[in-house]
Amino acid sequence: LWIGVALALLFANPFV
């Protein structure tokens, strides 16, 4: 589940 959280944060991070 943590990998999903990490991916969600990566895809939704405001720095991109």
PDB file of N, CA and C in Angstrom:
ATOM      1  N   LEU A   1       0.835  -1.210   0.000  1.00  0.00           N
ATOM      2  CA  LEU A   1       0.000   0.000   0.000  1.00  0.00           C
ATOM      3  C   LEU A   1       0.871   1.263   0.000  1.00  0.00           C
ATOM      4  N   TRP A   2       2.019   1.203   0.655  1.00  0.00           N
ATOM      5  CA  TRP A   2       2.866   2.393   0.732  1.00  0.00           C
ATOM      6  C   TRP A   2       3.386   2.800  -0.633  1.00  0.00           C
ATOM      7  N   ILE A   3       3.631   1.788  -1.490  1.00  0.00           N
ATOM      8  CA  ILE A   3       4.101   2.107  -2.844  1.00  0.00           C
ATOM      9  C   ILE A   3       3.043   2.889  -3.603  1.00  0.00           C
ATOM     10  N   GLY A   4       1.785   2.556  -3.335  1.00  0.00           N
ATOM     11  CA  GLY A   4       0.684   3.286  -3.982  1.00  0.00           C
ATOM     12  C   GLY A   4       0.622   4.717  -3.479  1.00  0.00           C
ATOM     13  N   VAL A   5       0.839   4.887  -2.182  1.00  0.00           N
ATOM     14  CA  VAL A   5       0.839   6.231  -1.601  1.00  0.00           C
ATOM     15  C   VAL A   5       1.979   7.057  -2.194  1.00  0.00           C
ATOM     16  N   ALA A   6       3.150   6.442  -2.300  1.00  0.00           N
ATOM     17  CA  ALA A   6       4.313   7.137  -2.852  1.00  0.00           C
ATOM     18  C   ALA A   6       4.049   7.545  -4.298  1.00  0.00           C
ATOM     19  N   LEU A   7       3.476   6.625  -5.084  1.00  0.00           N
ATOM     20  CA  LEU A   7       3.168   6.940  -6.477  1.00  0.00           C
ATOM     21  C   LEU A   7       2.130   8.051  -6.569  1.00  0.00           C
ATOM     22  N   ALA A   8       1.127   7.997  -5.702  1.00  0.00           N
ATOM     23  CA  ALA A   8       0.082   9.037  -5.711  1.00  0.00           C
ATOM     24  C   ALA A   8       0.704  10.399  -5.408  1.00  0.00           C
ATOM     25  N   LEU A   9       1.625  10.443  -4.432  1.00  0.00           N
ATOM     26  CA  LEU A   9       2.268  11.702  -4.086  1.00  0.00           C
ATOM     27  C   LEU A   9       3.150  12.188  -5.230  1.00  0.00           C
ATOM     28  N   LEU A  10       3.842  11.259  -5.888  1.00  0.00           N
ATOM     29  CA  LEU A  10       4.701  11.637  -6.997  1.00  0.00           C
ATOM     30  C   LEU A  10       3.897  12.226  -8.140  1.00  0.00           C
ATOM     31  N   PHE A  11       2.762  11.578  -8.466  1.00  0.00           N
ATOM     32  CA  PHE A  11       1.954  12.033  -9.589  1.00  0.00           C
ATOM     33  C   PHE A  11       1.166  13.294  -9.260  1.00  0.00           C
ATOM     34  N   ALA A  12       0.907  13.534  -7.973  1.00  0.00           N
ATOM     35  CA  ALA A  12       0.102  14.689  -7.581  1.00  0.00           C
ATOM     36  C   ALA A  12       0.934  15.764  -6.888  1.00  0.00           C
ATOM     37  N   ASN A  13       2.264  15.625  -6.952  1.00  0.00           N
ATOM     38  CA  ASN A  13       3.093  16.611  -6.266  1.00  0.00           C
ATOM     39  C   ASN A  13       3.055  17.944  -7.013  1.00  0.00           C
ATOM     40  N   PRO A  14       3.050  19.052  -6.261  1.00  0.00           N
ATOM     41  CA  PRO A  14       2.889  20.396  -6.840  1.00  0.00           C
ATOM     42  C   PRO A  14       4.161  20.949  -7.473  1.00  0.00           C
ATOM     43  N   PHE A  15       5.238  20.163  -7.480  1.00  0.00           N
ATOM     44  CA  PHE A  15       6.499  20.659  -8.025  1.00  0.00           C
ATOM     45  C   PHE A  15       6.684  20.318  -9.497  1.00  0.00           C
ATOM     46  N   VAL A  16       5.804  19.485 -10.040  1.00  0.00           N
ATOM     47  CA  VAL A  16       5.937  19.120 -11.453  1.00  0.00           C
ATOM     48  C   VAL A  16       5.339  20.222 -12.322  1.00  0.00           C
TER      49      VAL A  16
END
